[in-house]
């Protein structure tokens, strides 16, 4: 999708005093896979309101029509699964709800227990 050197998205703290660069590992019309560094939450924690989370940073960037999002015509990115705050690795985001439903089914998240 993007050329060398541009396979990164930069996300900014709400006050823009901090920013983080996340390498894009994979992208198609359904998914965006990012390389999450350690000590970054995937989802927001109400008990730690000042701690940044990848999903909230992405939501804010999409809502603010960040260049990387508008260039890709991204209107929504929801995480497919979470990895721990202390863990680095691949974090998969879905570009629409159908993709999220399908990946959830593949991962067993939508199965009755």
PDB file of N, CA and C in Angstrom:
ATOM      1  N   UNK A   1       0.828  -1.197   0.000  1.00  0.00           N
ATOM      2  CA  UNK A   1       0.000   0.000   0.000  1.00  0.00           C
ATOM      3  C   UNK A   1       0.866   1.252   0.000  1.00  0.00           C
ATOM      4  N   UNK A   2       1.778   1.357   0.936  1.00  0.00           N
ATOM      5  CA  UNK A   2       2.649   2.537   0.995  1.00  0.00           C
ATOM      6  C   UNK A   2       4.060   2.132   0.600  1.00  0.00           C
ATOM      7  N   UNK A   3       4.827   3.089   0.146  1.00  0.00           N
ATOM      8  CA  UNK A   3       6.201   2.791  -0.262  1.00  0.00           C
ATOM      9  C   UNK A   3       7.132   2.767   0.940  1.00  0.00           C
ATOM     10  N   UNK A   4       8.353   2.332   0.718  1.00  0.00           N
ATOM     11  CA  UNK A   4       9.339   2.237   1.801  1.00  0.00           C
ATOM     12  C   UNK A   4       9.492   3.585   2.492  1.00  0.00           C
ATOM     13  N   UNK A   5       9.584   3.540   3.799  1.00  0.00           N
ATOM     14  CA  UNK A   5       9.713   4.767   4.573  1.00  0.00           C
ATOM     15  C   UNK A   5       8.383   5.386   4.942  1.00  0.00           C
ATOM     16  N   UNK A   6       7.318   4.917   4.299  1.00  0.00           N
ATOM     17  CA  UNK A   6       5.993   5.461   4.584  1.00  0.00           C
ATOM     18  C   UNK A   6       5.089   4.410   5.207  1.00  0.00           C
ATOM     19  N   UNK A   7       5.625   3.259   5.522  1.00  0.00           N
ATOM     20  CA  UNK A   7       4.838   2.201   6.138  1.00  0.00           C
ATOM     21  C   UNK A   7       4.783   2.355   7.643  1.00  0.00           C
ATOM     22  N   UNK A   8       4.531   3.568   8.077  1.00  0.00           N
ATOM     23  CA  UNK A   8       4.447   3.897   9.495  1.00  0.00           C
ATOM     24  C   UNK A   8       3.290   4.864   9.670  1.00  0.00           C
ATOM     25  N   UNK A   9       2.542   4.697  10.759  1.00  0.00           N
ATOM     26  CA  UNK A   9       1.584   5.741  11.117  1.00  0.00           C
ATOM     27  C   UNK A   9       2.071   6.383  12.407  1.00  0.00           C
ATOM     28  N   UNK A  10       1.920   7.674  12.486  1.00  0.00           N
ATOM     29  CA  UNK A  10       2.317   8.420  13.677  1.00  0.00           C
ATOM     30  C   UNK A  10       1.053   8.876  14.371  1.00  0.00           C
ATOM     31  N   UNK A  11       0.985   8.568  15.668  1.00  0.00           N
ATOM     32  CA  UNK A  11      -0.166   8.933  16.490  1.00  0.00           C
ATOM     33  C   UNK A  11       0.288   9.907  17.565  1.00  0.00           C
ATOM     34  N   UNK A  12      -0.555  10.881  17.840  1.00  0.00           N
ATOM     35  CA  UNK A  12      -0.208  11.956  18.766  1.00  0.00           C
ATOM     36  C   UNK A  12      -1.074  11.920  20.008  1.00  0.00           C
ATOM     37  N   UNK A  13      -0.469  12.247  21.144  1.00  0.00           N
ATOM     38  CA  UNK A  13      -1.221  12.421  22.388  1.00  0.00           C
ATOM     39  C   UNK A  13      -2.195  13.581  22.183  1.00  0.00           C
ATOM     40  N   UNK A  14      -3.318  13.590  22.935  1.00  0.00           N
ATOM     41  CA  UNK A  14      -4.303  14.670  22.764  1.00  0.00           C
ATOM     42  C   UNK A  14      -3.701  16.074  22.870  1.00  0.00           C
ATOM     43  N   UNK A  15      -2.733  16.257  23.735  1.00  0.00           N
ATOM     44  CA  UNK A  15      -2.101  17.576  23.877  1.00  0.00           C
ATOM     45  C   UNK A  15      -0.913  17.762  22.925  1.00  0.00           C
ATOM     46  N   UNK A  16      -0.649  16.756  22.114  1.00  0.00           N
ATOM     47  CA  UNK A  16       0.413  16.752  21.099  1.00  0.00           C
ATOM     48  C   UNK A  16       1.823  16.921  21.662  1.00  0.00           C
ATOM     49  N   UNK A  17       1.996  16.611  22.947  1.00  0.00           N
ATOM     50  CA  UNK A  17       3.333  16.681  23.535  1.00  0.00           C
ATOM     51  C   UNK A  17       4.127  15.403  23.292  1.00  0.00           C
ATOM     52  N   UNK A  18       3.431  14.322  22.963  1.00  0.00           N
ATOM     53  CA  UNK A  18       4.080  13.042  22.682  1.00  0.00           C
ATOM     54  C   UNK A  18       3.523  12.492  21.374  1.00  0.00           C
ATOM     55  N   UNK A  19       4.351  11.709  20.705  1.00  0.00           N
ATOM     56  CA  UNK A  19       3.876  10.978  19.534  1.00  0.00           C
ATOM     57  C   UNK A  19       4.564   9.620  19.498  1.00  0.00           C
ATOM     58  N   UNK A  20       3.922   8.702  18.816  1.00  0.00           N
ATOM     59  CA  UNK A  20       4.436   7.344  18.689  1.00  0.00           C
ATOM     60  C   UNK A  20       4.338   6.937  17.225  1.00  0.00           C
ATOM     61  N   UNK A  21       5.344   6.231  16.738  1.00  0.00           N
ATOM     62  CA  UNK A  21       5.336   5.710  15.373  1.00  0.00           C
ATOM     63  C   UNK A  21       5.090   4.209  15.434  1.00  0.00           C
ATOM     64  N   UNK A  22       4.118   3.756  14.665  1.00  0.00           N
ATOM     65  CA  UNK A  22       3.773   2.338  14.621  1.00  0.00           C
ATOM     66  C   UNK A  22       3.985   1.819  13.204  1.00  0.00           C
ATOM     67  N   UNK A  23       4.945   0.896  13.021  1.00  0.00           N
ATOM     68  CA  UNK A  23       5.146   0.305  11.703  1.00  0.00           C
ATOM     69  C   UNK A  23       3.916  -0.492  11.260  1.00  0.00           C
ATOM     70  N   UNK A  24       3.569  -0.331   9.993  1.00  0.00           N
ATOM     71  CA  UNK A  24       2.486  -1.109   9.395  1.00  0.00           C
ATOM     72  C   UNK A  24       3.104  -2.400   8.874  1.00  0.00           C
ATOM     73  N   UNK A  25       2.633  -3.523   9.389  1.00  0.00           N
ATOM     74  CA  UNK A  25       3.162  -4.829   8.990  1.00  0.00           C
ATOM     75  C   UNK A  25       2.371  -5.443   7.847  1.00  0.00           C
ATOM     76  N   UNK A  26       1.077  -5.105   7.785  1.00  0.00           N
ATOM     77  CA  UNK A  26       0.196  -5.649   6.749  1.00  0.00           C
ATOM     78  C   UNK A  26      -0.993  -4.721   6.612  1.00  0.00           C
ATOM     79  N   UNK A  27      -1.488  -4.600   5.383  1.00  0.00           N
ATOM     80  CA  UNK A  27      -2.706  -3.837   5.161  1.00  0.00           C
ATOM     81  C   UNK A  27      -3.394  -4.327   3.903  1.00  0.00           C
ATOM     82  N   UNK A  28      -4.721  -4.476   3.997  1.00  0.00           N
ATOM     83  CA  UNK A  28      -5.549  -4.719   2.825  1.00  0.00           C
ATOM     84  C   UNK A  28      -6.858  -3.960   3.025  1.00  0.00           C
ATOM     85  N   UNK A  29      -7.878  -4.274   2.250  1.00  0.00           N
ATOM     86  CA  UNK A  29      -9.139  -3.529   2.354  1.00  0.00           C
ATOM     87  C   UNK A  29      -9.923  -3.844   3.630  1.00  0.00           C
ATOM     88  N   UNK A  30      -9.523  -4.881   4.371  1.00  0.00           N
ATOM     89  CA  UNK A  30     -10.237  -5.291   5.580  1.00  0.00           C
ATOM     90  C   UNK A  30      -9.467  -5.030   6.876  1.00  0.00           C
ATOM     91  N   UNK A  31      -8.142  -5.151   6.814  1.00  0.00           N
ATOM     92  CA  UNK A  31      -7.335  -5.148   8.038  1.00  0.00           C
ATOM     93  C   UNK A  31      -6.124  -4.222   7.945  1.00  0.00           C
ATOM     94  N   UNK A  32      -5.668  -3.802   9.122  1.00  0.00           N
ATOM     95  CA  UNK A  32      -4.422  -3.057   9.273  1.00  0.00           C
ATOM     96  C   UNK A  32      -3.702  -3.680  10.463  1.00  0.00           C
ATOM     97  N   UNK A  33      -2.518  -4.225  10.232  1.00  0.00           N
ATOM     98  CA  UNK A  33      -1.729  -4.841  11.303  1.00  0.00           C
ATOM     99  C   UNK A  33      -0.571  -3.917  11.650  1.00  0.00           C
ATOM    100  N   UNK A  34      -0.486  -3.564  12.931  1.00  0.00           N
ATOM    101  CA  UNK A  34       0.557  -2.666  13.415  1.00  0.00           C
ATOM    102  C   UNK A  34       1.491  -3.400  14.361  1.00  0.00           C
ATOM    103  N   UNK A  35       2.718  -2.937  14.424  1.00  0.00           N
ATOM    104  CA  UNK A  35       3.710  -3.465  15.357  1.00  0.00           C
ATOM    105  C   UNK A  35       3.628  -2.629  16.630  1.00  0.00           C
ATOM    106  N   UNK A  36       3.022  -3.193  17.672  1.00  0.00           N
ATOM    107  CA  UNK A  36       2.840  -2.487  18.938  1.00  0.00           C
ATOM    108  C   UNK A  36       4.077  -2.653  19.806  1.00  0.00           C
ATOM    109  N   UNK A  37       4.538  -1.521  20.328  1.00  0.00           N
ATOM    110  CA  UNK A  37       5.683  -1.579  21.235  1.00  0.00           C
ATOM    111  C   UNK A  37       5.218  -1.965  22.643  1.00  0.00           C
ATOM    112  N   UNK A  38       6.170  -2.303  23.501  1.00  0.00           N
ATOM    113  CA  UNK A  38       5.830  -2.594  24.893  1.00  0.00           C
ATOM    114  C   UNK A  38       5.347  -1.315  25.573  1.00  0.00           C
ATOM    115  N   UNK A  39       4.645  -1.503  26.654  1.00  0.00           N
ATOM    116  CA  UNK A  39       4.141  -0.415  27.487  1.00  0.00           C
ATOM    117  C   UNK A  39       3.227   0.549  26.737  1.00  0.00           C
ATOM    118  N   UNK A  40       2.386  -0.035  25.878  1.00  0.00           N
ATOM    119  CA  UNK A  40       1.311   0.705  25.216  1.00  0.00           C
ATOM    120  C   UNK A  40       0.079  -0.185  25.305  1.00  0.00           C
ATOM    121  N   UNK A  41      -0.953   0.315  25.944  1.00  0.00           N
ATOM    122  CA  UNK A  41      -2.198  -0.439  26.046  1.00  0.00           C
ATOM    123  C   UNK A  41      -2.880  -0.464  24.682  1.00  0.00           C
ATOM    124  N   UNK A  42      -3.569  -1.557  24.380  1.00  0.00           N
ATOM    125  CA  UNK A  42      -4.355  -1.619  23.153  1.00  0.00           C
ATOM    126  C   UNK A  42      -5.684  -0.904  23.368  1.00  0.00           C
ATOM    127  N   UNK A  43      -6.328  -1.163  24.507  1.00  0.00           N
ATOM    128  CA  UNK A  43      -7.619  -0.527  24.786  1.00  0.00           C
ATOM    129  C   UNK A  43      -7.523   0.356  26.023  1.00  0.00           C
ATOM    130  N   UNK A  44      -8.417   1.320  26.073  1.00  0.00           N
ATOM    131  CA  UNK A  44      -8.446   2.288  27.170  1.00  0.00           C
ATOM    132  C   UNK A  44      -8.858   1.609  28.474  1.00  0.00           C
ATOM    133  N   UNK A  45      -8.225   1.997  29.566  1.00  0.00           N
ATOM    134  CA  UNK A  45      -8.570   1.479  30.887  1.00  0.00           C
ATOM    135  C   UNK A  45      -9.164   2.611  31.725  1.00  0.00           C
ATOM    136  N   UNK A  46     -10.438   2.497  32.133  1.00  0.00           N
ATOM    137  CA  UNK A  46     -11.039   3.536  32.971  1.00  0.00           C
ATOM    138  C   UNK A  46     -10.286   3.751  34.283  1.00  0.00           C
ATOM    139  N   UNK A  47      -9.626   2.712  34.777  1.00  0.00           N
ATOM    140  CA  UNK A  47      -8.882   2.851  36.032  1.00  0.00           C
ATOM    141  C   UNK A  47      -7.554   3.601  35.843  1.00  0.00           C
ATOM    142  N   UNK A  48      -7.110   3.741  34.591  1.00  0.00           N
ATOM    143  CA  UNK A  48      -5.873   4.477  34.274  1.00  0.00           C
ATOM    144  C   UNK A  48      -6.174   5.493  33.162  1.00  0.00           C
ATOM    145  N   UNK A  49      -6.957   6.513  33.464  1.00  0.00           N
ATOM    146  CA  UNK A  49      -7.433   7.423  32.415  1.00  0.00           C
ATOM    147  C   UNK A  49      -6.338   8.226  31.713  1.00  0.00           C
ATOM    148  N   UNK A  50      -5.197   8.415  32.354  1.00  0.00           N
ATOM    149  CA  UNK A  50      -4.122   9.198  31.741  1.00  0.00           C
ATOM    150  C   UNK A  50      -3.156   8.365  30.904  1.00  0.00           C
ATOM    151  N   UNK A  51      -3.330   7.034  30.951  1.00  0.00           N
ATOM    152  CA  UNK A  51      -2.444   6.164  30.173  1.00  0.00           C
ATOM    153  C   UNK A  51      -2.956   6.085  28.732  1.00  0.00           C
ATOM    154  N   UNK A  52      -2.111   6.384  27.752  1.00  0.00           N
ATOM    155  CA  UNK A  52      -2.577   6.319  26.363  1.00  0.00           C
ATOM    156  C   UNK A  52      -2.874   4.885  25.945  1.00  0.00           C
ATOM    157  N   UNK A  53      -3.808   4.750  25.032  1.00  0.00           N
ATOM    158  CA  UNK A  53      -4.107   3.435  24.467  1.00  0.00           C
ATOM    159  C   UNK A  53      -4.096   3.551  22.950  1.00  0.00           C
ATOM    160  N   UNK A  54      -3.638   2.505  22.319  1.00  0.00           N
ATOM    161  CA  UNK A  54      -3.526   2.482  20.871  1.00  0.00           C
ATOM    162  C   UNK A  54      -4.881   2.700  20.205  1.00  0.00           C
ATOM    163  N   UNK A  55      -5.919   2.023  20.696  1.00  0.00           N
ATOM    164  CA  UNK A  55      -7.231   2.167  20.062  1.00  0.00           C
ATOM    165  C   UNK A  55      -7.771   3.586  20.188  1.00  0.00           C
ATOM    166  N   UNK A  56      -7.580   4.227  21.329  1.00  0.00           N
ATOM    167  CA  UNK A  56      -8.055   5.605  21.515  1.00  0.00           C
ATOM    168  C   UNK A  56      -7.250   6.576  20.656  1.00  0.00           C
ATOM    169  N   UNK A  57      -5.941   6.395  20.590  1.00  0.00           N
ATOM    170  CA  UNK A  57      -5.115   7.244  19.731  1.00  0.00           C
ATOM    171  C   UNK A  57      -5.541   7.122  18.272  1.00  0.00           C
ATOM    172  N   UNK A  58      -5.851   5.895  17.844  1.00  0.00           N
ATOM    173  CA  UNK A  58      -6.310   5.668  16.471  1.00  0.00           C
ATOM    174  C   UNK A  58      -7.675   6.307  16.257  1.00  0.00           C
ATOM    175  N   UNK A  59      -8.608   6.097  17.194  1.00  0.00           N
ATOM    176  CA  UNK A  59      -9.943   6.705  17.067  1.00  0.00           C
ATOM    177  C   UNK A  59      -9.837   8.218  16.942  1.00  0.00           C
ATOM    178  N   UNK A  60      -9.008   8.825  17.772  1.00  0.00           N
ATOM    179  CA  UNK A  60      -8.834  10.280  17.730  1.00  0.00           C
ATOM    180  C   UNK A  60      -8.245  10.733  16.396  1.00  0.00           C
ATOM    181  N   UNK A  61      -7.271   9.987  15.888  1.00  0.00           N
ATOM    182  CA  UNK A  61      -6.643  10.342  14.612  1.00  0.00           C
ATOM    183  C   UNK A  61      -7.625  10.211  13.452  1.00  0.00           C
ATOM    184  N   UNK A  62      -8.419   9.156  13.453  1.00  0.00           N
ATOM    185  CA  UNK A  62      -9.420   8.966  12.399  1.00  0.00           C
ATOM    186  C   UNK A  62     -10.464  10.082  12.472  1.00  0.00           C
ATOM    187  N   UNK A  63     -10.930  10.400  13.678  1.00  0.00           N
ATOM    188  CA  UNK A  63     -11.920  11.471  13.853  1.00  0.00           C
ATOM    189  C   UNK A  63     -11.360  12.826  13.417  1.00  0.00           C
ATOM    190  N   UNK A  64     -10.070  13.046  13.653  1.00  0.00           N
ATOM    191  CA  UNK A  64      -9.420  14.302  13.270  1.00  0.00           C
ATOM    192  C   UNK A  64      -8.992  14.303  11.803  1.00  0.00           C
ATOM    193  N   UNK A  65      -9.306  13.234  11.100  1.00  0.00           N
ATOM    194  CA  UNK A  65      -8.962  13.067   9.688  1.00  0.00           C
ATOM    195  C   UNK A  65      -7.458  13.217   9.444  1.00  0.00           C
ATOM    196  N   UNK A  66      -6.704  12.460  10.226  1.00  0.00           N
ATOM    197  CA  UNK A  66      -5.249  12.425  10.038  1.00  0.00           C
ATOM    198  C   UNK A  66      -4.935  12.015   8.599  1.00  0.00           C
ATOM    199  N   UNK A  67      -3.862  12.536   8.081  1.00  0.00           N
ATOM    200  CA  UNK A  67      -3.514  12.292   6.680  1.00  0.00           C
ATOM    201  C   UNK A  67      -3.408  10.807   6.348  1.00  0.00           C
ATOM    202  N   UNK A  68      -2.777  10.017   7.231  1.00  0.00           N
ATOM    203  CA  UNK A  68      -2.618   8.583   6.959  1.00  0.00           C
ATOM    204  C   UNK A  68      -3.977   7.897   6.863  1.00  0.00           C
ATOM    205  N   UNK A  69      -4.967   8.370   7.619  1.00  0.00           N
ATOM    206  CA  UNK A  69      -6.301   7.757   7.601  1.00  0.00           C
ATOM    207  C   UNK A  69      -7.091   8.182   6.369  1.00  0.00           C
ATOM    208  N   UNK A  70      -7.070   9.459   6.042  1.00  0.00           N
ATOM    209  CA  UNK A  70      -7.831   9.931   4.880  1.00  0.00           C
ATOM    210  C   UNK A  70      -7.229   9.405   3.582  1.00  0.00           C
ATOM    211  N   UNK A  71      -5.905   9.294   3.535  1.00  0.00           N
ATOM    212  CA  UNK A  71      -5.236   8.752   2.348  1.00  0.00           C
ATOM    213  C   UNK A  71      -5.691   7.313   2.073  1.00  0.00           C
ATOM    214  N   UNK A  72      -5.985   6.597   3.125  1.00  0.00           N
ATOM    215  CA  UNK A  72      -6.413   5.201   3.005  1.00  0.00           C
ATOM    216  C   UNK A  72      -7.937   5.061   3.038  1.00  0.00           C
ATOM    217  N   UNK A  73      -8.649   6.177   3.116  1.00  0.00           N
ATOM    218  CA  UNK A  73     -10.108   6.196   3.213  1.00  0.00           C
ATOM    219  C   UNK A  73     -10.596   5.391   4.422  1.00  0.00           C
ATOM    220  N   UNK A  74      -9.878   5.505   5.531  1.00  0.00           N
ATOM    221  CA  UNK A  74     -10.251   4.807   6.763  1.00  0.00           C
ATOM    222  C   UNK A  74     -11.209   5.684   7.558  1.00  0.00           C
ATOM    223  N   UNK A  75     -12.383   5.119   7.838  1.00  0.00           N
ATOM    224  CA  UNK A  75     -13.377   5.830   8.646  1.00  0.00           C
ATOM    225  C   UNK A  75     -13.571   5.174  10.004  1.00  0.00           C
ATOM    226  N   UNK A  76     -13.038   3.971  10.132  1.00  0.00           N
ATOM    227  CA  UNK A  76     -13.180   3.209  11.380  1.00  0.00           C
ATOM    228  C   UNK A  76     -12.041   2.199  11.454  1.00  0.00           C
ATOM    229  N   UNK A  77     -11.464   2.050  12.639  1.00  0.00           N
ATOM    230  CA  UNK A  77     -10.513   0.971  12.912  1.00  0.00           C
ATOM    231  C   UNK A  77     -10.810   0.457  14.311  1.00  0.00           C
ATOM    232  N   UNK A  78     -11.216  -0.787  14.406  1.00  0.00           N
ATOM    233  CA  UNK A  78     -11.460  -1.408  15.702  1.00  0.00           C
ATOM    234  C   UNK A  78     -10.516  -2.581  15.882  1.00  0.00           C
ATOM    235  N   UNK A  79     -10.001  -2.752  17.096  1.00  0.00           N
ATOM    236  CA  UNK A  79      -9.039  -3.838  17.300  1.00  0.00           C
ATOM    237  C   UNK A  79      -9.732  -5.195  17.262  1.00  0.00           C
ATOM    238  N   UNK A  80      -9.029  -6.167  16.690  1.00  0.00           N
ATOM    239  CA  UNK A  80      -9.559  -7.524  16.574  1.00  0.00           C
ATOM    240  C   UNK A  80      -9.332  -8.305  17.862  1.00  0.00           C
ATOM    241  N   UNK A  81      -8.270  -8.004  18.564  1.00  0.00           N
ATOM    242  CA  UNK A  81      -7.927  -8.661  19.829  1.00  0.00           C
ATOM    243  C   UNK A  81      -6.940  -7.751  20.550  1.00  0.00           C
ATOM    244  N   UNK A  82      -6.751  -8.018  21.817  1.00  0.00           N
ATOM    245  CA  UNK A  82      -5.809  -7.219  22.610  1.00  0.00           C
ATOM    246  C   UNK A  82      -4.601  -8.060  22.972  1.00  0.00           C
ATOM    247  N   UNK A  83      -3.459  -7.394  23.039  1.00  0.00           N
ATOM    248  CA  UNK A  83      -2.295  -8.013  23.661  1.00  0.00           C
ATOM    249  C   UNK A  83      -1.941  -7.148  24.865  1.00  0.00           C
ATOM    250  N   UNK A  84      -1.269  -7.743  25.804  1.00  0.00           N
ATOM    251  CA  UNK A  84      -1.000  -7.081  27.079  1.00  0.00           C
ATOM    252  C   UNK A  84      -0.172  -5.812  26.926  1.00  0.00           C
ATOM    253  N   UNK A  85      -0.346  -4.940  27.892  1.00  0.00           N
ATOM    254  CA  UNK A  85       0.373  -3.668  27.994  1.00  0.00           C
ATOM    255  C   UNK A  85       1.879  -3.887  27.897  1.00  0.00           C
ATOM    256  N   UNK A  86       2.390  -4.906  28.580  1.00  0.00           N
ATOM    257  CA  UNK A  86       3.827  -5.175  28.627  1.00  0.00           C
ATOM    258  C   UNK A  86       4.347  -5.895  27.389  1.00  0.00           C
ATOM    259  N   UNK A  87       3.450  -6.354  26.528  1.00  0.00           N
ATOM    260  CA  UNK A  87       3.814  -7.193  25.396  1.00  0.00           C
ATOM    261  C   UNK A  87       3.960  -6.374  24.121  1.00  0.00           C
ATOM    262  N   UNK A  88       4.990  -6.673  23.356  1.00  0.00           N
ATOM    263  CA  UNK A  88       5.106  -6.087  22.020  1.00  0.00           C
ATOM    264  C   UNK A  88       4.641  -7.138  21.022  1.00  0.00           C
ATOM    265  N   UNK A  89       4.234  -6.685  19.856  1.00  0.00           N
ATOM    266  CA  UNK A  89       3.839  -7.639  18.837  1.00  0.00           C
ATOM    267  C   UNK A  89       2.790  -7.098  17.894  1.00  0.00           C
ATOM    268  N   UNK A  90       2.256  -7.992  17.090  1.00  0.00           N
ATOM    269  CA  UNK A  90       1.289  -7.631  16.061  1.00  0.00           C
ATOM    270  C   UNK A  90      -0.071  -7.367  16.691  1.00  0.00           C
ATOM    271  N   UNK A  91      -0.611  -6.198  16.371  1.00  0.00           N
ATOM    272  CA  UNK A  91      -1.962  -5.848  16.787  1.00  0.00           C
ATOM    273  C   UNK A  91      -2.777  -5.637  15.522  1.00  0.00           C
ATOM    274  N   UNK A  92      -3.852  -6.401  15.393  1.00  0.00           N
ATOM    275  CA  UNK A  92      -4.678  -6.372  14.189  1.00  0.00           C
ATOM    276  C   UNK A  92      -5.891  -5.486  14.405  1.00  0.00           C
ATOM    277  N   UNK A  93      -6.097  -4.562  13.475  1.00  0.00           N
ATOM    278  CA  UNK A  93      -7.261  -3.679  13.495  1.00  0.00           C
ATOM    279  C   UNK A  93      -8.123  -3.968  12.277  1.00  0.00           C
ATOM    280  N   UNK A  94      -9.433  -3.892  12.479  1.00  0.00           N
ATOM    281  CA  UNK A  94     -10.402  -4.147  11.418  1.00  0.00           C
ATOM    282  C   UNK A  94     -10.928  -2.826  10.883  1.00  0.00           C
ATOM    283  N   UNK A  95     -11.039  -2.749   9.575  1.00  0.00           N
ATOM    284  CA  UNK A  95     -11.499  -1.513   8.943  1.00  0.00           C
ATOM    285  C   UNK A  95     -13.018  -1.411   8.882  1.00  0.00           C
ATOM    286  N   UNK A  96     -13.716  -2.495   9.158  1.00  0.00           N
ATOM    287  CA  UNK A  96     -15.179  -2.456   9.183  1.00  0.00           C
ATOM    288  C   UNK A  96     -15.689  -3.598  10.059  1.00  0.00           C
ATOM    289  N   UNK A  97     -16.961  -3.522  10.431  1.00  0.00           N
ATOM    290  CA  UNK A  97     -17.535  -4.490  11.373  1.00  0.00           C
ATOM    291  C   UNK A  97     -17.631  -5.900  10.816  1.00  0.00           C
ATOM    292  N   UNK A  98     -17.821  -6.043   9.507  1.00  0.00           N
ATOM    293  CA  UNK A  98     -17.882  -7.387   8.920  1.00  0.00           C
ATOM    294  C   UNK A  98     -16.536  -8.093   9.118  1.00  0.00           C
ATOM    295  N   UNK A  99     -15.453  -7.380   8.901  1.00  0.00           N
ATOM    296  CA  UNK A  99     -14.117  -7.965   9.114  1.00  0.00           C
ATOM    297  C   UNK A  99     -13.927  -8.332  10.575  1.00  0.00           C
ATOM    298  N   UNK A 100     -14.404  -7.474  11.464  1.00  0.00           N
ATOM    299  CA  UNK A 100     -14.265  -7.749  12.902  1.00  0.00           C
ATOM    300  C   UNK A 100     -15.054  -9.000  13.295  1.00  0.00           C
ATOM    301  N   UNK A 101     -16.242  -9.147  12.746  1.00  0.00           N
ATOM    302  CA  UNK A 101     -17.070 -10.331  13.013  1.00  0.00           C
ATOM    303  C   UNK A 101     -16.368 -11.597  12.507  1.00  0.00           C
ATOM    304  N   UNK A 102     -15.837 -11.533  11.282  1.00  0.00           N
ATOM    305  CA  UNK A 102     -15.198 -12.718  10.700  1.00  0.00           C
ATOM    306  C   UNK A 102     -13.930 -13.110  11.455  1.00  0.00           C
ATOM    307  N   UNK A 103     -13.106 -12.136  11.805  1.00  0.00           N
ATOM    308  CA  UNK A 103     -11.879 -12.473  12.541  1.00  0.00           C
ATOM    309  C   UNK A 103     -12.233 -12.968  13.937  1.00  0.00           C
ATOM    310  N   UNK A 104     -13.284 -12.406  14.527  1.00  0.00           N
ATOM    311  CA  UNK A 104     -13.753 -12.883  15.830  1.00  0.00           C
ATOM    312  C   UNK A 104     -14.181 -14.338  15.761  1.00  0.00           C
ATOM    313  N   UNK A 105     -14.872 -14.707  14.682  1.00  0.00           N
ATOM    314  CA  UNK A 105     -15.282 -16.098  14.496  1.00  0.00           C
ATOM    315  C   UNK A 105     -14.067 -17.009  14.339  1.00  0.00           C
ATOM    316  N   UNK A 106     -13.072 -16.560  13.578  1.00  0.00           N
ATOM    317  CA  UNK A 106     -11.863 -17.363  13.390  1.00  0.00           C
ATOM    318  C   UNK A 106     -11.095 -17.559  14.692  1.00  0.00           C
ATOM    319  N   UNK A 107     -11.086 -16.530  15.523  1.00  0.00           N
ATOM    320  CA  UNK A 107     -10.361 -16.601  16.795  1.00  0.00           C
ATOM    321  C   UNK A 107     -11.191 -17.225  17.907  1.00  0.00           C
ATOM    322  N   UNK A 108     -12.445 -17.524  17.621  1.00  0.00           N
ATOM    323  CA  UNK A 108     -13.299 -18.148  18.624  1.00  0.00           C
ATOM    324  C   UNK A 108     -13.929 -17.182  19.593  1.00  0.00           C
ATOM    325  N   UNK A 109     -13.822 -15.894  19.329  1.00  0.00           N
ATOM    326  CA  UNK A 109     -14.367 -14.898  20.258  1.00  0.00           C
ATOM    327  C   UNK A 109     -15.883 -14.859  20.247  1.00  0.00           C
ATOM    328  N   UNK A 110     -16.493 -15.338  19.189  1.00  0.00           N
ATOM    329  CA  UNK A 110     -17.943 -15.266  19.076  1.00  0.00           C
ATOM    330  C   UNK A 110     -18.620 -16.614  19.289  1.00  0.00           C
ATOM    331  N   UNK A 111     -17.869 -17.576  19.804  1.00  0.00           N
ATOM    332  CA  UNK A 111     -18.452 -18.887  20.080  1.00  0.00           C
ATOM    333  C   UNK A 111     -19.094 -18.900  21.452  1.00  0.00           C
ATOM    334  N   UNK A 112     -20.214 -19.602  21.548  1.00  0.00           N
ATOM    335  CA  UNK A 112     -20.844 -19.763  22.861  1.00  0.00           C
ATOM    336  C   UNK A 112     -20.044 -20.771  23.659  1.00  0.00           C
ATOM    337  N   UNK A 113     -19.864 -20.471  24.925  1.00  0.00           N
ATOM    338  CA  UNK A 113     -19.103 -21.361  25.804  1.00  0.00           C
ATOM    339  C   UNK A 113     -20.037 -22.278  26.561  1.00  0.00           C
TER     340      UNK A 113
END
